[in-house]
């Protein structure tokens, strides 16, 4: 027997909106070369939404910058 989570359309929309807000917030810190602010915000994401969401935000930012994975992140010039 498998485990399945069912989300409503509203819940899915809320998740996407949260992820988009997080990505935009971190990108704004990175544009300003504020690594301390970006790290503090990501700590907040980790506390609010957990490691899975934290990693999704970092993976999204890395892919936007042409990287395969955030674990090999190199700042975009």
PDB file of N, CA and C in Angstrom:
ATOM      1  N   UNK A   1       0.842  -1.169   0.000  1.00  0.00           N
ATOM      2  CA  UNK A   1       0.000   0.000   0.000  1.00  0.00           C
ATOM      3  C   UNK A   1       0.895   1.243   0.000  1.00  0.00           C
ATOM      4  N   UNK A   2       0.601   2.180  -0.893  1.00  0.00           N
ATOM      5  CA  UNK A   2       1.400   3.396  -1.011  1.00  0.00           C
ATOM      6  C   UNK A   2       0.807   4.560  -0.243  1.00  0.00           C
ATOM      7  N   UNK A   3       1.620   5.547  -0.054  1.00  0.00           N
ATOM      8  CA  UNK A   3       1.216   6.774   0.619  1.00  0.00           C
ATOM      9  C   UNK A   3       1.022   7.843  -0.441  1.00  0.00           C
ATOM     10  N   UNK A   4      -0.075   8.583  -0.356  1.00  0.00           N
ATOM     11  CA  UNK A   4      -0.352   9.589  -1.374  1.00  0.00           C
ATOM     12  C   UNK A   4      -0.844  10.872  -0.707  1.00  0.00           C
ATOM     13  N   UNK A   5      -0.304  11.983  -1.157  1.00  0.00           N
ATOM     14  CA  UNK A   5      -0.750  13.286  -0.675  1.00  0.00           C
ATOM     15  C   UNK A   5      -1.559  13.933  -1.793  1.00  0.00           C
ATOM     16  N   UNK A   6      -2.733  14.400  -1.454  1.00  0.00           N
ATOM     17  CA  UNK A   6      -3.576  15.079  -2.429  1.00  0.00           C
ATOM     18  C   UNK A   6      -3.699  16.544  -2.031  1.00  0.00           C
ATOM     19  N   UNK A   7      -3.373  17.424  -2.966  1.00  0.00           N
ATOM     20  CA  UNK A   7      -3.464  18.853  -2.717  1.00  0.00           C
ATOM     21  C   UNK A   7      -4.592  19.454  -3.548  1.00  0.00           C
ATOM     22  N   UNK A   8      -5.233  20.455  -2.995  1.00  0.00           N
ATOM     23  CA  UNK A   8      -6.242  21.184  -3.760  1.00  0.00           C
ATOM     24  C   UNK A   8      -5.530  22.126  -4.729  1.00  0.00           C
ATOM     25  N   UNK A   9      -6.260  22.638  -5.711  1.00  0.00           N
ATOM     26  CA  UNK A   9      -5.669  23.602  -6.646  1.00  0.00           C
ATOM     27  C   UNK A   9      -5.173  24.836  -5.902  1.00  0.00           C
ATOM     28  N   UNK A  10      -5.914  25.252  -4.887  1.00  0.00           N
ATOM     29  CA  UNK A  10      -5.514  26.415  -4.100  1.00  0.00           C
ATOM     30  C   UNK A  10      -4.204  26.148  -3.355  1.00  0.00           C
ATOM     31  N   UNK A  11      -4.046  24.961  -2.806  1.00  0.00           N
ATOM     32  CA  UNK A  11      -2.810  24.614  -2.105  1.00  0.00           C
ATOM     33  C   UNK A  11      -1.624  24.576  -3.063  1.00  0.00           C
ATOM     34  N   UNK A  12      -1.830  24.037  -4.252  1.00  0.00           N
ATOM     35  CA  UNK A  12      -0.761  24.002  -5.256  1.00  0.00           C
ATOM     36  C   UNK A  12      -0.370  25.427  -5.640  1.00  0.00           C
ATOM     37  N   UNK A  13      -1.360  26.289  -5.830  1.00  0.00           N
ATOM     38  CA  UNK A  13      -1.089  27.695  -6.163  1.00  0.00           C
ATOM     39  C   UNK A  13      -0.304  28.379  -5.054  1.00  0.00           C
ATOM     40  N   UNK A  14      -0.656  28.082  -3.816  1.00  0.00           N
ATOM     41  CA  UNK A  14       0.058  28.669  -2.679  1.00  0.00           C
ATOM     42  C   UNK A  14       1.510  28.211  -2.641  1.00  0.00           C
ATOM     43  N   UNK A  15       1.746  26.948  -2.940  1.00  0.00           N
ATOM     44  CA  UNK A  15       3.116  26.417  -2.952  1.00  0.00           C
ATOM     45  C   UNK A  15       3.940  27.111  -4.028  1.00  0.00           C
ATOM     46  N   UNK A  16       3.393  27.211  -5.246  1.00  0.00           N
ATOM     47  CA  UNK A  16       4.115  27.868  -6.341  1.00  0.00           C
ATOM     48  C   UNK A  16       4.378  29.335  -6.028  1.00  0.00           C
ATOM     49  N   UNK A  17       3.407  30.008  -5.430  1.00  0.00           N
ATOM     50  CA  UNK A  17       3.585  31.420  -5.071  1.00  0.00           C
ATOM     51  C   UNK A  17       4.681  31.573  -4.016  1.00  0.00           C
ATOM     52  N   UNK A  18       4.700  30.683  -3.036  1.00  0.00           N
ATOM     53  CA  UNK A  18       5.727  30.727  -1.994  1.00  0.00           C
ATOM     54  C   UNK A  18       7.115  30.505  -2.599  1.00  0.00           C
ATOM     55  N   UNK A  19       7.239  29.498  -3.456  1.00  0.00           N
ATOM     56  CA  UNK A  19       8.538  29.228  -4.084  1.00  0.00           C
ATOM     57  C   UNK A  19       8.994  30.406  -4.933  1.00  0.00           C
ATOM     58  N   UNK A  20       8.078  30.990  -5.709  1.00  0.00           N
ATOM     59  CA  UNK A  20       8.430  32.139  -6.551  1.00  0.00           C
ATOM     60  C   UNK A  20       8.889  33.315  -5.692  1.00  0.00           C
ATOM     61  N   UNK A  21       8.184  33.564  -4.589  1.00  0.00           N
ATOM     62  CA  UNK A  21       8.555  34.660  -3.698  1.00  0.00           C
ATOM     63  C   UNK A  21       9.943  34.422  -3.106  1.00  0.00           C
ATOM     64  N   UNK A  22      10.209  33.196  -2.706  1.00  0.00           N
ATOM     65  CA  UNK A  22      11.516  32.861  -2.127  1.00  0.00           C
ATOM     66  C   UNK A  22      12.636  33.033  -3.142  1.00  0.00           C
ATOM     67  N   UNK A  23      12.428  32.536  -4.351  1.00  0.00           N
ATOM     68  CA  UNK A  23      13.450  32.666  -5.397  1.00  0.00           C
ATOM     69  C   UNK A  23      13.714  34.144  -5.677  1.00  0.00           C
ATOM     70  N   UNK A  24      12.660  34.934  -5.819  1.00  0.00           N
ATOM     71  CA  UNK A  24      12.829  36.363  -6.092  1.00  0.00           C
ATOM     72  C   UNK A  24      13.550  37.075  -4.959  1.00  0.00           C
ATOM     73  N   UNK A  25      13.228  36.720  -3.734  1.00  0.00           N
ATOM     74  CA  UNK A  25      13.868  37.345  -2.568  1.00  0.00           C
ATOM     75  C   UNK A  25      15.365  37.031  -2.535  1.00  0.00           C
ATOM     76  N   UNK A  26      15.724  35.774  -2.723  1.00  0.00           N
ATOM     77  CA  UNK A  26      17.143  35.401  -2.706  1.00  0.00           C
ATOM     78  C   UNK A  26      17.875  36.052  -3.873  1.00  0.00           C
ATOM     79  N   UNK A  27      17.252  36.064  -5.045  1.00  0.00           N
ATOM     80  CA  UNK A  27      17.873  36.709  -6.207  1.00  0.00           C
ATOM     81  C   UNK A  27      18.142  38.189  -5.933  1.00  0.00           C
ATOM     82  N   UNK A  28      17.234  38.856  -5.225  1.00  0.00           N
ATOM     83  CA  UNK A  28      17.453  40.277  -4.927  1.00  0.00           C
ATOM     84  C   UNK A  28      18.679  40.455  -4.026  1.00  0.00           C
ATOM     85  N   UNK A  29      18.857  39.566  -3.059  1.00  0.00           N
ATOM     86  CA  UNK A  29      20.056  39.626  -2.217  1.00  0.00           C
ATOM     87  C   UNK A  29      21.310  39.365  -3.049  1.00  0.00           C
ATOM     88  N   UNK A  30      21.245  38.386  -3.937  1.00  0.00           N
ATOM     89  CA  UNK A  30      22.416  38.055  -4.748  1.00  0.00           C
ATOM     90  C   UNK A  30      22.768  39.186  -5.708  1.00  0.00           C
ATOM     91  N   UNK A  31      21.759  39.855  -6.271  1.00  0.00           N
ATOM     92  CA  UNK A  31      22.029  41.000  -7.153  1.00  0.00           C
ATOM     93  C   UNK A  31      22.774  42.106  -6.407  1.00  0.00           C
ATOM     94  N   UNK A  32      22.478  42.246  -5.120  1.00  0.00           N
ATOM     95  CA  UNK A  32      23.135  43.264  -4.292  1.00  0.00           C
ATOM     96  C   UNK A  32      24.418  42.753  -3.639  1.00  0.00           C
ATOM     97  N   UNK A  33      24.857  41.551  -4.019  1.00  0.00           N
ATOM     98  CA  UNK A  33      26.046  40.920  -3.422  1.00  0.00           C
ATOM     99  C   UNK A  33      25.934  40.807  -1.904  1.00  0.00           C
ATOM    100  N   UNK A  34      24.720  40.576  -1.415  1.00  0.00           N
ATOM    101  CA  UNK A  34      24.462  40.445   0.022  1.00  0.00           C
ATOM    102  C   UNK A  34      24.292  38.963   0.377  1.00  0.00           C
ATOM    103  N   UNK A  35      25.407  38.270   0.484  1.00  0.00           N
ATOM    104  CA  UNK A  35      25.382  36.841   0.794  1.00  0.00           C
ATOM    105  C   UNK A  35      24.845  36.600   2.203  1.00  0.00           C
ATOM    106  N   UNK A  36      25.179  37.484   3.132  1.00  0.00           N
ATOM    107  CA  UNK A  36      24.683  37.340   4.506  1.00  0.00           C
ATOM    108  C   UNK A  36      23.159  37.415   4.536  1.00  0.00           C
ATOM    109  N   UNK A  37      22.587  38.365   3.808  1.00  0.00           N
ATOM    110  CA  UNK A  37      21.131  38.490   3.736  1.00  0.00           C
ATOM    111  C   UNK A  37      20.493  37.288   3.071  1.00  0.00           C
ATOM    112  N   UNK A  38      21.119  36.800   1.989  1.00  0.00           N
ATOM    113  CA  UNK A  38      20.595  35.619   1.290  1.00  0.00           C
ATOM    114  C   UNK A  38      20.610  34.405   2.212  1.00  0.00           C
ATOM    115  N   UNK A  39      21.708  34.225   2.937  1.00  0.00           N
ATOM    116  CA  UNK A  39      21.800  33.090   3.863  1.00  0.00           C
ATOM    117  C   UNK A  39      20.779  33.200   4.990  1.00  0.00           C
ATOM    118  N   UNK A  40      20.594  34.407   5.515  1.00  0.00           N
ATOM    119  CA  UNK A  40      19.612  34.607   6.589  1.00  0.00           C
ATOM    120  C   UNK A  40      18.204  34.302   6.084  1.00  0.00           C
ATOM    121  N   UNK A  41      17.900  34.741   4.863  1.00  0.00           N
ATOM    122  CA  UNK A  41      16.575  34.462   4.307  1.00  0.00           C
ATOM    123  C   UNK A  41      16.390  32.962   4.090  1.00  0.00           C
ATOM    124  N   UNK A  42      17.428  32.284   3.591  1.00  0.00           N
ATOM    125  CA  UNK A  42      17.319  30.841   3.367  1.00  0.00           C
ATOM    126  C   UNK A  42      17.187  30.091   4.694  1.00  0.00           C
ATOM    127  N   UNK A  43      17.786  30.600   5.751  1.00  0.00           N
ATOM    128  CA  UNK A  43      17.564  30.010   7.078  1.00  0.00           C
ATOM    129  C   UNK A  43      16.094  30.133   7.468  1.00  0.00           C
ATOM    130  N   UNK A  44      15.500  31.274   7.129  1.00  0.00           N
ATOM    131  CA  UNK A  44      14.073  31.481   7.398  1.00  0.00           C
ATOM    132  C   UNK A  44      13.228  30.480   6.609  1.00  0.00           C
ATOM    133  N   UNK A  45      13.563  30.268   5.325  1.00  0.00           N
ATOM    134  CA  UNK A  45      12.843  29.287   4.499  1.00  0.00           C
ATOM    135  C   UNK A  45      12.966  27.902   5.123  1.00  0.00           C
ATOM    136  N   UNK A  46      14.160  27.553   5.543  1.00  0.00           N
ATOM    137  CA  UNK A  46      14.396  26.253   6.173  1.00  0.00           C
ATOM    138  C   UNK A  46      13.521  26.083   7.412  1.00  0.00           C
ATOM    139  N   UNK A  47      13.439  27.120   8.225  1.00  0.00           N
ATOM    140  CA  UNK A  47      12.624  27.058   9.443  1.00  0.00           C
ATOM    141  C   UNK A  47      11.131  27.040   9.144  1.00  0.00           C
ATOM    142  N   UNK A  48      10.692  27.788   8.131  1.00  0.00           N
ATOM    143  CA  UNK A  48       9.268  27.875   7.796  1.00  0.00           C
ATOM    144  C   UNK A  48       8.762  26.648   7.049  1.00  0.00           C
ATOM    145  N   UNK A  49       9.548  26.207   6.062  1.00  0.00           N
ATOM    146  CA  UNK A  49       9.025  25.217   5.117  1.00  0.00           C
ATOM    147  C   UNK A  49       9.820  23.921   5.051  1.00  0.00           C
ATOM    148  N   UNK A  50      10.974  23.851   5.695  1.00  0.00           N
ATOM    149  CA  UNK A  50      11.741  22.619   5.723  1.00  0.00           C
ATOM    150  C   UNK A  50      12.816  22.526   4.656  1.00  0.00           C
ATOM    151  N   UNK A  51      13.617  21.477   4.771  1.00  0.00           N
ATOM    152  CA  UNK A  51      14.772  21.277   3.888  1.00  0.00           C
ATOM    153  C   UNK A  51      14.379  21.056   2.435  1.00  0.00           C
ATOM    154  N   UNK A  52      13.267  20.373   2.200  1.00  0.00           N
ATOM    155  CA  UNK A  52      12.842  20.129   0.821  1.00  0.00           C
ATOM    156  C   UNK A  52      12.589  21.419   0.068  1.00  0.00           C
ATOM    157  N   UNK A  53      11.886  22.340   0.692  1.00  0.00           N
ATOM    158  CA  UNK A  53      11.607  23.631   0.062  1.00  0.00           C
ATOM    159  C   UNK A  53      12.896  24.442  -0.081  1.00  0.00           C
ATOM    160  N   UNK A  54      13.723  24.416   0.938  1.00  0.00           N
ATOM    161  CA  UNK A  54      15.024  25.088   0.913  1.00  0.00           C
ATOM    162  C   UNK A  54      15.817  24.631  -0.311  1.00  0.00           C
ATOM    163  N   UNK A  55      15.892  23.321  -0.521  1.00  0.00           N
ATOM    164  CA  UNK A  55      16.649  22.780  -1.648  1.00  0.00           C
ATOM    165  C   UNK A  55      16.001  23.123  -2.987  1.00  0.00           C
ATOM    166  N   UNK A  56      14.665  23.140  -3.053  1.00  0.00           N
ATOM    167  CA  UNK A  56      13.977  23.528  -4.293  1.00  0.00           C
ATOM    168  C   UNK A  56      14.297  24.970  -4.679  1.00  0.00           C
ATOM    169  N   UNK A  57      14.329  25.855  -3.704  1.00  0.00           N
ATOM    170  CA  UNK A  57      14.657  27.255  -3.978  1.00  0.00           C
ATOM    171  C   UNK A  57      16.078  27.353  -4.523  1.00  0.00           C
ATOM    172  N   UNK A  58      17.022  26.691  -3.870  1.00  0.00           N
ATOM    173  CA  UNK A  58      18.410  26.741  -4.332  1.00  0.00           C
ATOM    174  C   UNK A  58      18.581  26.086  -5.697  1.00  0.00           C
ATOM    175  N   UNK A  59      17.914  24.966  -5.939  1.00  0.00           N
ATOM    176  CA  UNK A  59      17.990  24.310  -7.246  1.00  0.00           C
ATOM    177  C   UNK A  59      17.426  25.211  -8.344  1.00  0.00           C
ATOM    178  N   UNK A  60      16.329  25.894  -8.057  1.00  0.00           N
ATOM    179  CA  UNK A  60      15.725  26.790  -9.046  1.00  0.00           C
ATOM    180  C   UNK A  60      16.666  27.940  -9.383  1.00  0.00           C
ATOM    181  N   UNK A  61      17.250  28.549  -8.368  1.00  0.00           N
ATOM    182  CA  UNK A  61      18.185  29.649  -8.599  1.00  0.00           C
ATOM    183  C   UNK A  61      19.384  29.166  -9.408  1.00  0.00           C
ATOM    184  N   UNK A  62      19.905  28.012  -9.083  1.00  0.00           N
ATOM    185  CA  UNK A  62      21.051  27.465  -9.818  1.00  0.00           C
ATOM    186  C   UNK A  62      20.710  27.237 -11.279  1.00  0.00           C
ATOM    187  N   UNK A  63      19.541  26.675 -11.534  1.00  0.00           N
ATOM    188  CA  UNK A  63      19.143  26.415 -12.920  1.00  0.00           C
ATOM    189  C   UNK A  63      18.923  27.717 -13.690  1.00  0.00           C
ATOM    190  N   UNK A  64      18.376  28.730 -13.027  1.00  0.00           N
ATOM    191  CA  UNK A  64      18.216  30.033 -13.672  1.00  0.00           C
ATOM    192  C   UNK A  64      19.562  30.623 -14.067  1.00  0.00           C
ATOM    193  N   UNK A  65      20.602  30.246 -13.346  1.00  0.00           N
ATOM    194  CA  UNK A  65      21.950  30.743 -13.609  1.00  0.00           C
ATOM    195  C   UNK A  65      22.771  29.771 -14.457  1.00  0.00           C
ATOM    196  N   UNK A  66      22.111  28.747 -15.011  1.00  0.00           N
ATOM    197  CA  UNK A  66      22.794  27.825 -15.909  1.00  0.00           C
ATOM    198  C   UNK A  66      23.572  26.718 -15.230  1.00  0.00           C
ATOM    199  N   UNK A  67      23.356  26.496 -13.946  1.00  0.00           N
ATOM    200  CA  UNK A  67      24.042  25.444 -13.206  1.00  0.00           C
ATOM    201  C   UNK A  67      23.150  24.209 -13.128  1.00  0.00           C
ATOM    202  N   UNK A  68      23.745  23.056 -13.045  1.00  0.00           N
ATOM    203  CA  UNK A  68      22.972  21.819 -12.931  1.00  0.00           C
ATOM    204  C   UNK A  68      22.472  21.595 -11.509  1.00  0.00           C
ATOM    205  N   UNK A  69      23.155  22.165 -10.525  1.00  0.00           N
ATOM    206  CA  UNK A  69      22.852  21.844  -9.134  1.00  0.00           C
ATOM    207  C   UNK A  69      23.394  22.956  -8.250  1.00  0.00           C
ATOM    208  N   UNK A  70      22.698  23.286  -7.172  1.00  0.00           N
ATOM    209  CA  UNK A  70      23.165  24.349  -6.281  1.00  0.00           C
ATOM    210  C   UNK A  70      24.409  23.953  -5.511  1.00  0.00           C
ATOM    211  N   UNK A  71      24.671  22.682  -5.402  1.00  0.00           N
ATOM    212  CA  UNK A  71      25.849  22.244  -4.655  1.00  0.00           C
ATOM    213  C   UNK A  71      27.146  22.590  -5.383  1.00  0.00           C
ATOM    214  N   UNK A  72      27.027  22.964  -6.658  1.00  0.00           N
ATOM    215  CA  UNK A  72      28.189  23.383  -7.439  1.00  0.00           C
ATOM    216  C   UNK A  72      28.017  24.823  -7.897  1.00  0.00           C
ATOM    217  N   UNK A  73      27.330  25.628  -7.095  1.00  0.00           N
ATOM    218  CA  UNK A  73      26.980  26.995  -7.466  1.00  0.00           C
ATOM    219  C   UNK A  73      28.214  27.857  -7.686  1.00  0.00           C
ATOM    220  N   UNK A  74      28.224  28.544  -8.820  1.00  0.00           N
ATOM    221  CA  UNK A  74      29.261  29.517  -9.142  1.00  0.00           C
ATOM    222  C   UNK A  74      28.533  30.815  -9.472  1.00  0.00           C
ATOM    223  N   UNK A  75      28.889  31.920  -8.836  1.00  0.00           N
ATOM    224  CA  UNK A  75      28.181  33.179  -9.097  1.00  0.00           C
ATOM    225  C   UNK A  75      28.189  33.544 -10.575  1.00  0.00           C
ATOM    226  N   UNK A  76      27.074  34.054 -11.037  1.00  0.00           N
ATOM    227  CA  UNK A  76      26.919  34.504 -12.428  1.00  0.00           C
ATOM    228  C   UNK A  76      27.564  35.874 -12.561  1.00  0.00           C
ATOM    229  N   UNK A  77      28.387  36.052 -13.549  1.00  0.00           N
ATOM    230  CA  UNK A  77      29.042  37.354 -13.784  1.00  0.00           C
ATOM    231  C   UNK A  77      28.145  38.233 -14.602  1.00  0.00           C
TER     232      UNK A  77
END
